[in-house]
Amino acid sequence: MPSTIDLYNRLKEIDTEIKEAKLRLPAHSVKPVLMMALFALEDERDHILKQLRALPPQHDGNLRSRRP
């Protein structure tokens, strides 16, 4: 399984690719191949988000210990 950092990096790349793909879409008569590419990117993004949500919560290590 990829590391959390790798997942976040890929998520950032995919978000950029989705934005660029949407900018390339014409206002009318969108070709199916363009829509399929966009849907594939969105599916990959959803899969990465699902993986990130399944990870256990991370502590930042800055928690102060309590004194009795």
Protein backbone atom coordinates (compact mmCIF):
# COMPACT_ATOMS: atom_id res chain seq x y z
CA MET A 1 0.00 0.00 0.00
CA PRO A 2 1.34 3.45 -0.85
CA SER A 3 2.36 5.75 1.98
CA THR A 4 0.10 8.54 3.16
CA ILE A 5 2.42 11.10 1.62
CA ASP A 6 2.32 9.29 -1.72
CA LEU A 7 -1.47 9.22 -1.60
CA TYR A 8 -1.69 12.94 -0.86
CA ASN A 9 0.82 13.74 -3.60
CA ARG A 10 -1.12 11.67 -6.15
CA LEU A 11 -4.37 13.28 -4.99
CA LYS A 12 -2.88 16.71 -5.65
CA GLU A 13 -1.73 15.61 -9.12
CA ILE A 14 -5.15 14.19 -9.94
CA ASP A 15 -6.93 17.35 -8.81
CA THR A 16 -4.69 19.34 -11.15
CA GLU A 17 -5.35 16.92 -14.01
CA ILE A 18 -9.12 17.11 -13.41
CA LYS A 19 -9.03 20.91 -13.52
CA GLU A 20 -7.01 20.85 -16.74
CA ALA A 21 -9.34 18.26 -18.30
CA LYS A 22 -12.39 20.36 -17.47
CA LEU A 23 -10.78 23.40 -19.08
CA ARG A 24 -10.24 21.42 -22.29
CA LEU A 25 -13.89 20.37 -22.52
CA PRO A 26 -15.82 22.24 -25.18
CA ALA A 27 -19.07 23.90 -24.22
CA HIS A 28 -21.02 21.69 -26.63
CA SER A 29 -20.62 18.30 -28.25
CA VAL A 30 -18.18 16.77 -25.80
CA LYS A 31 -16.50 13.70 -27.24
CA PRO A 32 -17.07 10.52 -25.23
CA VAL A 33 -13.34 9.82 -25.02
CA LEU A 34 -12.81 13.14 -23.20
CA MET A 35 -15.60 12.40 -20.75
CA MET A 36 -14.29 8.89 -20.15
CA ALA A 37 -10.84 10.29 -19.34
CA LEU A 38 -12.37 12.77 -16.90
CA PHE A 39 -14.48 10.05 -15.27
CA ALA A 40 -11.39 7.82 -14.90
CA LEU A 41 -9.54 10.62 -13.10
CA GLU A 42 -12.50 11.25 -10.81
CA ASP A 43 -12.75 7.52 -10.05
CA GLU A 44 -9.05 7.41 -9.17
CA ARG A 45 -9.49 10.45 -6.93
CA ASP A 46 -12.42 8.80 -5.16
CA HIS A 47 -10.39 5.61 -4.67
CA ILE A 48 -7.50 7.54 -3.10
CA LEU A 49 -9.88 9.44 -0.83
CA LYS A 50 -11.38 6.14 0.29
CA GLN A 51 -7.90 4.82 1.09
CA LEU A 52 -7.05 7.95 3.07
CA ARG A 53 -10.27 7.75 5.07
CA ALA A 54 -9.51 4.13 5.95
CA LEU A 55 -6.17 5.03 7.52
CA PRO A 56 -6.02 5.26 11.31
CA PRO A 57 -5.83 8.80 12.70
CA GLN A 58 -2.28 10.10 13.04
CA HIS A 59 -1.00 11.91 16.09
CA ASP A 60 1.38 14.75 15.49
CA GLY A 61 3.58 13.86 18.46
CA ASN A 62 3.08 17.26 20.05
CA LEU A 63 0.64 16.09 22.69
CA ARG A 64 1.57 17.25 26.15
CA SER A 65 1.65 14.66 28.88
CA ARG A 66 -0.62 15.34 31.80
CA ARG A 67 0.74 15.55 35.27
CA PRO A 68 -1.27 14.01 38.07
